Amino acid sequence: MSTRARWTLGGFVILGIVVVAWWALAVRSAALVTTDQ
C-alpha cells in the first residue's frame, strides 16, 4: 500500500471516530432531561 493510500485510509478512520464520538455526545445531551411517554 502506497504512502498516499495509507494517509487516505487513516483519514477515514479518524473521521469515523469523530463522527461516532459526536453522535454519542449528542444522544447523551438529548437524554439529560426528557419527558417519558
PDB file of all heavy atoms in Angstrom:
ATOM      1  N   MET A   1       0.858  -1.203   0.000  1.00  0.00           N
ATOM      2  CA  MET A   1       0.000   0.000   0.000  1.00  0.00           C
ATOM      3  C   MET A   1       0.884   1.239   0.000  1.00  0.00           C
ATOM      4  O   MET A   1       1.846   1.336   0.753  1.00  0.00           O
ATOM      5  CB  MET A   1      -0.899   0.010   1.245  1.00  0.00           C
ATOM      6  CG  MET A   1      -1.829   1.236   1.322  1.00  0.00           C
ATOM      7  SD  MET A   1      -2.849   1.248   2.820  1.00  0.00           S
ATOM      8  CE  MET A   1      -3.878  -0.189   2.532  1.00  0.00           C
ATOM      9  N   SER A   2       0.561   2.188  -0.883  1.00  0.00           N
ATOM     10  CA  SER A   2       1.369   3.400  -1.001  1.00  0.00           C
ATOM     11  C   SER A   2       1.161   4.310   0.204  1.00  0.00           C
ATOM     12  O   SER A   2       0.190   4.176   0.965  1.00  0.00           O
ATOM     13  CB  SER A   2       0.980   4.155  -2.274  1.00  0.00           C
ATOM     14  OG  SER A   2      -0.344   4.652  -2.173  1.00  0.00           O
ATOM     15  N   THR A   3       2.108   5.240   0.365  1.00  0.00           N
ATOM     16  CA  THR A   3       2.004   6.193   1.483  1.00  0.00           C
ATOM     17  C   THR A   3       0.728   7.019   1.391  1.00  0.00           C
ATOM     18  O   THR A   3       0.039   7.255   2.383  1.00  0.00           O
ATOM     19  CB  THR A   3       3.231   7.132   1.474  1.00  0.00           C
ATOM     20  OG1 THR A   3       4.418   6.344   1.588  1.00  0.00           O
ATOM     21  CG2 THR A   3       3.148   8.110   2.630  1.00  0.00           C
ATOM     22  N   ARG A   4       0.394   7.436   0.155  1.00  0.00           N
ATOM     23  CA  ARG A   4      -0.816   8.242  -0.040  1.00  0.00           C
ATOM     24  C   ARG A   4      -2.062   7.452   0.355  1.00  0.00           C
ATOM     25  O   ARG A   4      -2.979   7.984   0.998  1.00  0.00           O
ATOM     26  CB  ARG A   4      -0.906   8.673  -1.500  1.00  0.00           C
ATOM     27  CG  ARG A   4      -2.129   9.553  -1.776  1.00  0.00           C
ATOM     28  CD  ARG A   4      -2.144  10.014  -3.216  1.00  0.00           C
ATOM     29  NE  ARG A   4      -3.299  10.848  -3.493  1.00  0.00           N
ATOM     30  CZ  ARG A   4      -3.562  11.389  -4.671  1.00  0.00           C
ATOM     31  NH1 ARG A   4      -2.713  11.169  -5.682  1.00  0.00           N
ATOM     32  NH2 ARG A   4      -4.648  12.121  -4.847  1.00  0.00           N
ATOM     33  N   ALA A   5      -2.103   6.154   0.007  1.00  0.00           N
ATOM     34  CA  ALA A   5      -3.255   5.318   0.337  1.00  0.00           C
ATOM     35  C   ALA A   5      -3.382   5.144   1.841  1.00  0.00           C
ATOM     36  O   ALA A   5      -4.482   5.155   2.403  1.00  0.00           O
ATOM     37  CB  ALA A   5      -3.132   3.958  -0.356  1.00  0.00           C
ATOM     38  N   ARG A   6      -2.209   4.975   2.486  1.00  0.00           N
ATOM     39  CA  ARG A   6      -2.248   4.817   3.947  1.00  0.00           C
ATOM     40  C   ARG A   6      -2.777   6.074   4.609  1.00  0.00           C
ATOM     41  O   ARG A   6      -3.542   6.026   5.573  1.00  0.00           O
ATOM     42  CB  ARG A   6      -0.847   4.462   4.460  1.00  0.00           C
ATOM     43  CG  ARG A   6      -0.438   3.018   4.179  1.00  0.00           C
ATOM     44  CD  ARG A   6       0.729   2.605   5.061  1.00  0.00           C
ATOM     45  NE  ARG A   6       1.921   3.402   4.779  1.00  0.00           N
ATOM     46  CZ  ARG A   6       2.852   3.042   3.891  1.00  0.00           C
ATOM     47  NH1 ARG A   6       2.706   1.930   3.196  1.00  0.00           N
ATOM     48  NH2 ARG A   6       3.913   3.805   3.695  1.00  0.00           N
ATOM     49  N   TRP A   7      -2.336   7.240   4.121  1.00  0.00           N
ATOM     50  CA  TRP A   7      -2.821   8.505   4.685  1.00  0.00           C
ATOM     51  C   TRP A   7      -4.320   8.663   4.454  1.00  0.00           C
ATOM     52  O   TRP A   7      -5.067   9.134   5.326  1.00  0.00           O
ATOM     53  CB  TRP A   7      -2.077   9.684   4.045  1.00  0.00           C
ATOM     54  CG  TRP A   7      -0.760   9.962   4.702  1.00  0.00           C
ATOM     55  CD1 TRP A   7       0.473   9.628   4.250  1.00  0.00           C
ATOM     56  CD2 TRP A   7      -0.548  10.643   5.946  1.00  0.00           C
ATOM     57  NE1 TRP A   7       1.457  10.040   5.116  1.00  0.00           N
ATOM     58  CE2 TRP A   7       0.844  10.674   6.174  1.00  0.00           C
ATOM     59  CE3 TRP A   7      -1.405  11.216   6.880  1.00  0.00           C
ATOM     60  CZ2 TRP A   7       1.399  11.259   7.310  1.00  0.00           C
ATOM     61  CZ3 TRP A   7      -0.851  11.808   8.017  1.00  0.00           C
ATOM     62  CH2 TRP A   7       0.533  11.826   8.209  1.00  0.00           C
ATOM     63  N   THR A   8      -4.780   8.274   3.289  1.00  0.00           N
ATOM     64  CA  THR A   8      -6.214   8.371   2.979  1.00  0.00           C
ATOM     65  C   THR A   8      -7.035   7.474   3.908  1.00  0.00           C
ATOM     66  O   THR A   8      -8.059   7.874   4.467  1.00  0.00           O
ATOM     67  CB  THR A   8      -6.480   7.981   1.523  1.00  0.00           C
ATOM     68  OG1 THR A   8      -5.743   8.852   0.669  1.00  0.00           O
ATOM     69  CG2 THR A   8      -7.960   8.090   1.196  1.00  0.00           C
ATOM     70  N   LEU A   9      -6.564   6.223   4.087  1.00  0.00           N
ATOM     71  CA  LEU A   9      -7.252   5.288   4.973  1.00  0.00           C
ATOM     72  C   LEU A   9      -7.263   5.798   6.410  1.00  0.00           C
ATOM     73  O   LEU A   9      -8.276   5.749   7.108  1.00  0.00           O
ATOM     74  CB  LEU A   9      -6.572   3.916   4.902  1.00  0.00           C
ATOM     75  CG  LEU A   9      -7.161   2.826   5.813  1.00  0.00           C
ATOM     76  CD1 LEU A   9      -8.624   2.578   5.458  1.00  0.00           C
ATOM     77  CD2 LEU A   9      -6.361   1.531   5.668  1.00  0.00           C
ATOM     78  N   GLY A  10      -6.120   6.330   6.835  1.00  0.00           N
ATOM     79  CA  GLY A  10      -6.032   6.869   8.186  1.00  0.00           C
ATOM     80  C   GLY A  10      -6.992   8.023   8.390  1.00  0.00           C
ATOM     81  O   GLY A  10      -7.607   8.177   9.448  1.00  0.00           O
ATOM     82  N   GLY A  11      -7.142   8.834   7.357  1.00  0.00           N
ATOM     83  CA  GLY A  11      -8.070   9.965   7.456  1.00  0.00           C
ATOM     84  C   GLY A  11      -9.494   9.511   7.633  1.00  0.00           C
ATOM     85  O   GLY A  11     -10.259  10.087   8.414  1.00  0.00           O
ATOM     86  N   PHE A  12      -9.891   8.473   6.896  1.00  0.00           N
ATOM     87  CA  PHE A  12     -11.254   7.949   7.018  1.00  0.00           C
ATOM     88  C   PHE A  12     -11.492   7.364   8.421  1.00  0.00           C
ATOM     89  O   PHE A  12     -12.575   7.505   8.985  1.00  0.00           O
ATOM     90  CB  PHE A  12     -11.507   6.880   5.961  1.00  0.00           C
ATOM     91  CG  PHE A  12     -11.880   7.446   4.610  1.00  0.00           C
ATOM     92  CD1 PHE A  12     -11.082   7.212   3.502  1.00  0.00           C
ATOM     93  CD2 PHE A  12     -13.029   8.227   4.468  1.00  0.00           C
ATOM     94  CE1 PHE A  12     -11.418   7.744   2.267  1.00  0.00           C
ATOM     95  CE2 PHE A  12     -13.369   8.759   3.231  1.00  0.00           C
ATOM     96  CZ  PHE A  12     -12.566   8.518   2.121  1.00  0.00           C
ATOM     97  N   VAL A  13     -10.483   6.697   8.964  1.00  0.00           N
ATOM     98  CA  VAL A  13     -10.613   6.117  10.313  1.00  0.00           C
ATOM     99  C   VAL A  13     -10.823   7.212  11.347  1.00  0.00           C
ATOM    100  O   VAL A  13     -11.695   7.133  12.216  1.00  0.00           O
ATOM    101  CB  VAL A  13      -9.369   5.269  10.656  1.00  0.00           C
ATOM    102  CG1 VAL A  13      -9.409   4.870  12.135  1.00  0.00           C
ATOM    103  CG2 VAL A  13      -9.310   4.035   9.772  1.00  0.00           C
ATOM    104  N   ILE A  14     -10.001   8.280  11.251  1.00  0.00           N
ATOM    105  CA  ILE A  14     -10.126   9.389  12.198  1.00  0.00           C
ATOM    106  C   ILE A  14     -11.482  10.059  12.063  1.00  0.00           C
ATOM    107  O   ILE A  14     -12.146  10.389  13.052  1.00  0.00           O
ATOM    108  CB  ILE A  14      -8.991  10.404  11.979  1.00  0.00           C
ATOM    109  CG1 ILE A  14      -7.639   9.775  12.341  1.00  0.00           C
ATOM    110  CG2 ILE A  14      -9.233  11.665  12.796  1.00  0.00           C
ATOM    111  CD1 ILE A  14      -6.453  10.642  11.990  1.00  0.00           C
ATOM    112  N   LEU A  15     -11.926  10.251  10.823  1.00  0.00           N
ATOM    113  CA  LEU A  15     -13.232  10.868  10.590  1.00  0.00           C
ATOM    114  C   LEU A  15     -14.348  10.026  11.197  1.00  0.00           C
ATOM    115  O   LEU A  15     -15.281  10.543  11.809  1.00  0.00           O
ATOM    116  CB  LEU A  15     -13.461  11.032   9.091  1.00  0.00           C
ATOM    117  CG  LEU A  15     -14.822  11.643   8.677  1.00  0.00           C
ATOM    118  CD1 LEU A  15     -14.971  13.045   9.268  1.00  0.00           C
ATOM    119  CD2 LEU A  15     -14.958  11.669   7.169  1.00  0.00           C
ATOM    120  N   GLY A  16     -14.224   8.695  11.052  1.00  0.00           N
ATOM    121  CA  GLY A  16     -15.235   7.803  11.625  1.00  0.00           C
ATOM    122  C   GLY A  16     -15.296   7.908  13.132  1.00  0.00           C
ATOM    123  O   GLY A  16     -16.369   7.924  13.733  1.00  0.00           O
ATOM    124  N   ILE A  17     -14.134   7.983  13.772  1.00  0.00           N
ATOM    125  CA  ILE A  17     -14.074   8.110  15.232  1.00  0.00           C
ATOM    126  C   ILE A  17     -14.722   9.407  15.684  1.00  0.00           C
ATOM    127  O   ILE A  17     -15.478   9.443  16.656  1.00  0.00           O
ATOM    128  CB  ILE A  17     -12.616   8.030  15.717  1.00  0.00           C
ATOM    129  CG1 ILE A  17     -12.054   6.629  15.471  1.00  0.00           C
ATOM    130  CG2 ILE A  17     -12.524   8.385  17.197  1.00  0.00           C
ATOM    131  CD1 ILE A  17     -10.574   6.503  15.763  1.00  0.00           C
ATOM    132  N   VAL A  18     -14.440  10.495  14.977  1.00  0.00           N
ATOM    133  CA  VAL A  18     -15.014  11.798  15.328  1.00  0.00           C
ATOM    134  C   VAL A  18     -16.535  11.772  15.211  1.00  0.00           C
ATOM    135  O   VAL A  18     -17.249  12.277  16.078  1.00  0.00           O
ATOM    136  CB  VAL A  18     -14.416  12.906  14.430  1.00  0.00           C
ATOM    137  CG1 VAL A  18     -15.179  14.219  14.620  1.00  0.00           C
ATOM    138  CG2 VAL A  18     -12.941  13.101  14.739  1.00  0.00           C
ATOM    139  N   VAL A  19     -17.045  11.167  14.132  1.00  0.00           N
ATOM    140  CA  VAL A  19     -18.500  11.102  13.924  1.00  0.00           C
ATOM    141  C   VAL A  19     -19.172  10.299  15.025  1.00  0.00           C
ATOM    142  O   VAL A  19     -20.204  10.695  15.571  1.00  0.00           O
ATOM    143  CB  VAL A  19     -18.813  10.485  12.537  1.00  0.00           C
ATOM    144  CG1 VAL A  19     -20.310  10.182  12.420  1.00  0.00           C
ATOM    145  CG2 VAL A  19     -18.381  11.429  11.434  1.00  0.00           C
ATOM    146  N   VAL A  20     -18.596   9.146  15.378  1.00  0.00           N
ATOM    147  CA  VAL A  20     -19.174   8.308  16.440  1.00  0.00           C
ATOM    148  C   VAL A  20     -19.166   9.046  17.772  1.00  0.00           C
ATOM    149  O   VAL A  20     -20.137   9.015  18.529  1.00  0.00           O
ATOM    150  CB  VAL A  20     -18.406   6.975  16.553  1.00  0.00           C
ATOM    151  CG1 VAL A  20     -18.844   6.208  17.793  1.00  0.00           C
ATOM    152  CG2 VAL A  20     -18.628   6.135  15.307  1.00  0.00           C
ATOM    153  N   ALA A  21     -18.053   9.725  18.081  1.00  0.00           N
ATOM    154  CA  ALA A  21     -17.960  10.467  19.341  1.00  0.00           C
ATOM    155  C   ALA A  21     -18.985  11.594  19.382  1.00  0.00           C
ATOM    156  O   ALA A  21     -19.626  11.835  20.409  1.00  0.00           O
ATOM    157  CB  ALA A  21     -16.545  11.029  19.505  1.00  0.00           C
ATOM    158  N   TRP A  22     -19.160  12.298  18.267  1.00  0.00           N
ATOM    159  CA  TRP A  22     -20.147  13.384  18.211  1.00  0.00           C
ATOM    160  C   TRP A  22     -21.549  12.853  18.417  1.00  0.00           C
ATOM    161  O   TRP A  22     -22.350  13.406  19.138  1.00  0.00           O
ATOM    162  CB  TRP A  22     -20.051  14.084  16.863  1.00  0.00           C
ATOM    163  CG  TRP A  22     -21.116  15.138  16.688  1.00  0.00           C
ATOM    164  CD1 TRP A  22     -21.072  16.437  17.072  1.00  0.00           C
ATOM    165  CD2 TRP A  22     -22.397  14.951  16.079  1.00  0.00           C
ATOM    166  NE1 TRP A  22     -22.236  17.077  16.747  1.00  0.00           N
ATOM    167  CE2 TRP A  22     -23.069  16.184  16.144  1.00  0.00           C
ATOM    168  CE3 TRP A  22     -23.033  13.863  15.489  1.00  0.00           C
ATOM    169  CZ2 TRP A  22     -24.359  16.352  15.637  1.00  0.00           C
ATOM    170  CZ3 TRP A  22     -24.307  14.022  14.994  1.00  0.00           C
ATOM    171  CH2 TRP A  22     -24.954  15.254  15.061  1.00  0.00           C
ATOM    172  N   TRP A  23     -21.864  11.698  17.793  1.00  0.00           N
ATOM    173  CA  TRP A  23     -23.196  11.105  17.915  1.00  0.00           C
ATOM    174  C   TRP A  23     -23.469  10.692  19.354  1.00  0.00           C
ATOM    175  O   TRP A  23     -24.548  10.928  19.891  1.00  0.00           O
ATOM    176  CB  TRP A  23     -23.289   9.903  16.995  1.00  0.00           C
ATOM    177  CG  TRP A  23     -24.606   9.167  17.103  1.00  0.00           C
ATOM    178  CD1 TRP A  23     -25.773   9.451  16.475  1.00  0.00           C
ATOM    179  CD2 TRP A  23     -24.857   8.023  17.917  1.00  0.00           C
ATOM    180  NE1 TRP A  23     -26.749   8.565  16.842  1.00  0.00           N
ATOM    181  CE2 TRP A  23     -26.212   7.671  17.731  1.00  0.00           C
ATOM    182  CE3 TRP A  23     -24.069   7.253  18.780  1.00  0.00           C
ATOM    183  CZ2 TRP A  23     -26.795   6.585  18.381  1.00  0.00           C
ATOM    184  CZ3 TRP A  23     -24.651   6.177  19.429  1.00  0.00           C
ATOM    185  CH2 TRP A  23     -26.005   5.855  19.223  1.00  0.00           C
ATOM    186  N   ALA A  24     -22.489  10.065  19.998  1.00  0.00           N
ATOM    187  CA  ALA A  24     -22.671   9.625  21.385  1.00  0.00           C
ATOM    188  C   ALA A  24     -22.911  10.815  22.304  1.00  0.00           C
ATOM    189  O   ALA A  24     -23.748  10.776  23.207  1.00  0.00           O
ATOM    190  CB  ALA A  24     -21.444   8.831  21.849  1.00  0.00           C
ATOM    191  N   LEU A  25     -22.160  11.904  22.090  1.00  0.00           N
ATOM    192  CA  LEU A  25     -22.338  13.101  22.913  1.00  0.00           C
ATOM    193  C   LEU A  25     -23.705  13.714  22.695  1.00  0.00           C
ATOM    194  O   LEU A  25     -24.365  14.156  23.640  1.00  0.00           O
ATOM    195  CB  LEU A  25     -21.244  14.119  22.572  1.00  0.00           C
ATOM    196  CG  LEU A  25     -21.292  15.448  23.362  1.00  0.00           C
ATOM    197  CD1 LEU A  25     -21.133  15.173  24.852  1.00  0.00           C
ATOM    198  CD2 LEU A  25     -20.194  16.385  22.869  1.00  0.00           C
ATOM    199  N   ALA A  26     -24.162  13.723  21.447  1.00  0.00           N
ATOM    200  CA  ALA A  26     -25.470  14.299  21.142  1.00  0.00           C
ATOM    201  C   ALA A  26     -26.585  13.504  21.799  1.00  0.00           C
ATOM    202  O   ALA A  26     -27.534  14.067  22.349  1.00  0.00           O
ATOM    203  CB  ALA A  26     -25.675  14.337  19.625  1.00  0.00           C
ATOM    204  N   VAL A  27     -26.485  12.172  21.739  1.00  0.00           N
ATOM    205  CA  VAL A  27     -27.513  11.328  22.360  1.00  0.00           C
ATOM    206  C   VAL A  27     -27.548  11.537  23.864  1.00  0.00           C
ATOM    207  O   VAL A  27     -28.593  11.655  24.480  1.00  0.00           O
ATOM    208  CB  VAL A  27     -27.252   9.840  22.035  1.00  0.00           C
ATOM    209  CG1 VAL A  27     -28.152   8.944  22.870  1.00  0.00           C
ATOM    210  CG2 VAL A  27     -27.484   9.593  20.555  1.00  0.00           C
ATOM    211  N   ARG A  28     -26.366  11.603  24.482  1.00  0.00           N
ATOM    212  CA  ARG A  28     -26.297  11.793  25.931  1.00  0.00           C
ATOM    213  C   ARG A  28     -26.882  13.140  26.318  1.00  0.00           C
ATOM    214  O   ARG A  28     -27.620  13.268  27.287  1.00  0.00           O
ATOM    215  CB  ARG A  28     -24.845  11.694  26.407  1.00  0.00           C
ATOM    216  CG  ARG A  28     -24.704  11.833  27.924  1.00  0.00           C
ATOM    217  CD  ARG A  28     -23.242  11.720  28.352  1.00  0.00           C
ATOM    218  NE  ARG A  28     -23.132  11.778  29.792  1.00  0.00           N
ATOM    219  CZ  ARG A  28     -23.100  12.895  30.484  1.00  0.00           C
ATOM    220  NH1 ARG A  28     -23.200  14.055  29.861  1.00  0.00           N
ATOM    221  NH2 ARG A  28     -22.981  12.878  31.799  1.00  0.00           N
ATOM    222  N   SER A  29     -26.547  14.181  25.562  1.00  0.00           N
ATOM    223  CA  SER A  29     -27.041  15.513  25.883  1.00  0.00           C
ATOM    224  C   SER A  29     -28.558  15.583  25.727  1.00  0.00           C
ATOM    225  O   SER A  29     -29.244  16.190  26.531  1.00  0.00           O
ATOM    226  CB  SER A  29     -26.389  16.545  24.952  1.00  0.00           C
ATOM    227  OG  SER A  29     -24.984  16.566  25.156  1.00  0.00           O
ATOM    228  N   ALA A  30     -29.093  14.917  24.696  1.00  0.00           N
ATOM    229  CA  ALA A  30     -30.538  14.934  24.476  1.00  0.00           C
ATOM    230  C   ALA A  30     -31.278  14.181  25.551  1.00  0.00           C
ATOM    231  O   ALA A  30     -32.445  14.440  25.825  1.00  0.00           O
ATOM    232  CB  ALA A  30     -30.849  14.320  23.109  1.00  0.00           C
ATOM    233  N   ALA A  31     -30.598  13.208  26.194  1.00  0.00           N
ATOM    234  CA  ALA A  31     -31.254  12.389  27.212  1.00  0.00           C
ATOM    235  C   ALA A  31     -31.192  12.981  28.599  1.00  0.00           C
ATOM    236  O   ALA A  31     -31.783  12.444  29.529  1.00  0.00           O
ATOM    237  CB  ALA A  31     -30.619  10.986  27.233  1.00  0.00           C
ATOM    238  N   LEU A  32     -30.471  14.088  28.763  1.00  0.00           N
ATOM    239  CA  LEU A  32     -30.314  14.638  30.103  1.00  0.00           C
ATOM    240  C   LEU A  32     -31.646  14.976  30.741  1.00  0.00           C
ATOM    241  O   LEU A  32     -31.882  14.702  31.908  1.00  0.00           O
ATOM    242  CB  LEU A  32     -29.422  15.890  30.057  1.00  0.00           C
ATOM    243  CG  LEU A  32     -27.938  15.629  29.905  1.00  0.00           C
ATOM    244  CD1 LEU A  32     -27.177  16.944  29.819  1.00  0.00           C
ATOM    245  CD2 LEU A  32     -27.392  14.776  31.030  1.00  0.00           C
ATOM    246  N   VAL A  33     -32.555  15.562  29.999  1.00  0.00           N
ATOM    247  CA  VAL A  33     -33.871  15.868  30.529  1.00  0.00           C
ATOM    248  C   VAL A  33     -34.901  15.534  29.465  1.00  0.00           C
ATOM    249  O   VAL A  33     -34.939  16.164  28.417  1.00  0.00           O
ATOM    250  CB  VAL A  33     -33.998  17.361  30.911  1.00  0.00           C
ATOM    251  CG1 VAL A  33     -35.398  17.644  31.426  1.00  0.00           C
ATOM    252  CG2 VAL A  33     -32.974  17.747  31.956  1.00  0.00           C
ATOM    253  N   THR A  34     -35.726  14.525  29.735  1.00  0.00           N
ATOM    254  CA  THR A  34     -36.769  14.149  28.802  1.00  0.00           C
ATOM    255  C   THR A  34     -38.045  13.864  29.557  1.00  0.00           C
ATOM    256  O   THR A  34     -38.034  13.613  30.756  1.00  0.00           O
ATOM    257  CB  THR A  34     -36.377  12.882  28.005  1.00  0.00           C
ATOM    258  OG1 THR A  34     -36.219  11.795  28.924  1.00  0.00           O
ATOM    259  CG2 THR A  34     -35.103  13.087  27.222  1.00  0.00           C
ATOM    260  N   THR A  35     -39.158  13.884  28.854  1.00  0.00           N
ATOM    261  CA  THR A  35     -40.434  13.503  29.432  1.00  0.00           C
ATOM    262  C   THR A  35     -40.818  12.169  28.836  1.00  0.00           C
ATOM    263  O   THR A  35     -40.898  12.021  27.623  1.00  0.00           O
ATOM    264  CB  THR A  35     -41.521  14.548  29.108  1.00  0.00           C
ATOM    265  OG1 THR A  35     -41.091  15.796  29.631  1.00  0.00           O
ATOM    266  CG2 THR A  35     -42.843  14.153  29.734  1.00  0.00           C
ATOM    267  N   ASP A  36     -41.074  11.156  29.708  1.00  0.00           N
ATOM    268  CA  ASP A  36     -41.378   9.842  29.163  1.00  0.00           C
ATOM    269  C   ASP A  36     -42.827   9.788  28.709  1.00  0.00           C
ATOM    270  O   ASP A  36     -43.640  10.634  29.018  1.00  0.00           O
ATOM    271  CB  ASP A  36     -41.065   8.730  30.183  1.00  0.00           C
ATOM    272  CG  ASP A  36     -41.958   8.765  31.408  1.00  0.00           C
ATOM    273  OD1 ASP A  36     -43.024   9.415  31.391  1.00  0.00           O
ATOM    274  OD2 ASP A  36     -41.585   8.115  32.391  1.00  0.00           O
ATOM    275  N   GLN A  37     -43.171   8.738  27.944  1.00  0.00           N
ATOM    276  CA  GLN A  37     -44.488   8.655  27.351  1.00  0.00           C
ATOM    277  C   GLN A  37     -45.564   8.335  28.373  1.00  0.00           C
ATOM    278  O   GLN A  37     -46.757   8.396  28.064  1.00  0.00           O
ATOM    279  CB  GLN A  37     -44.489   7.574  26.257  1.00  0.00           C
ATOM    280  CG  GLN A  37     -44.101   6.194  26.755  1.00  0.00           C
ATOM    281  CD  GLN A  37     -44.018   5.197  25.620  1.00  0.00           C
ATOM    282  OE1 GLN A  37     -44.491   5.459  24.524  1.00  0.00           O
ATOM    283  NE2 GLN A  37     -43.416   4.059  25.870  1.00  0.00           N
TER     284      GLN A  37
END
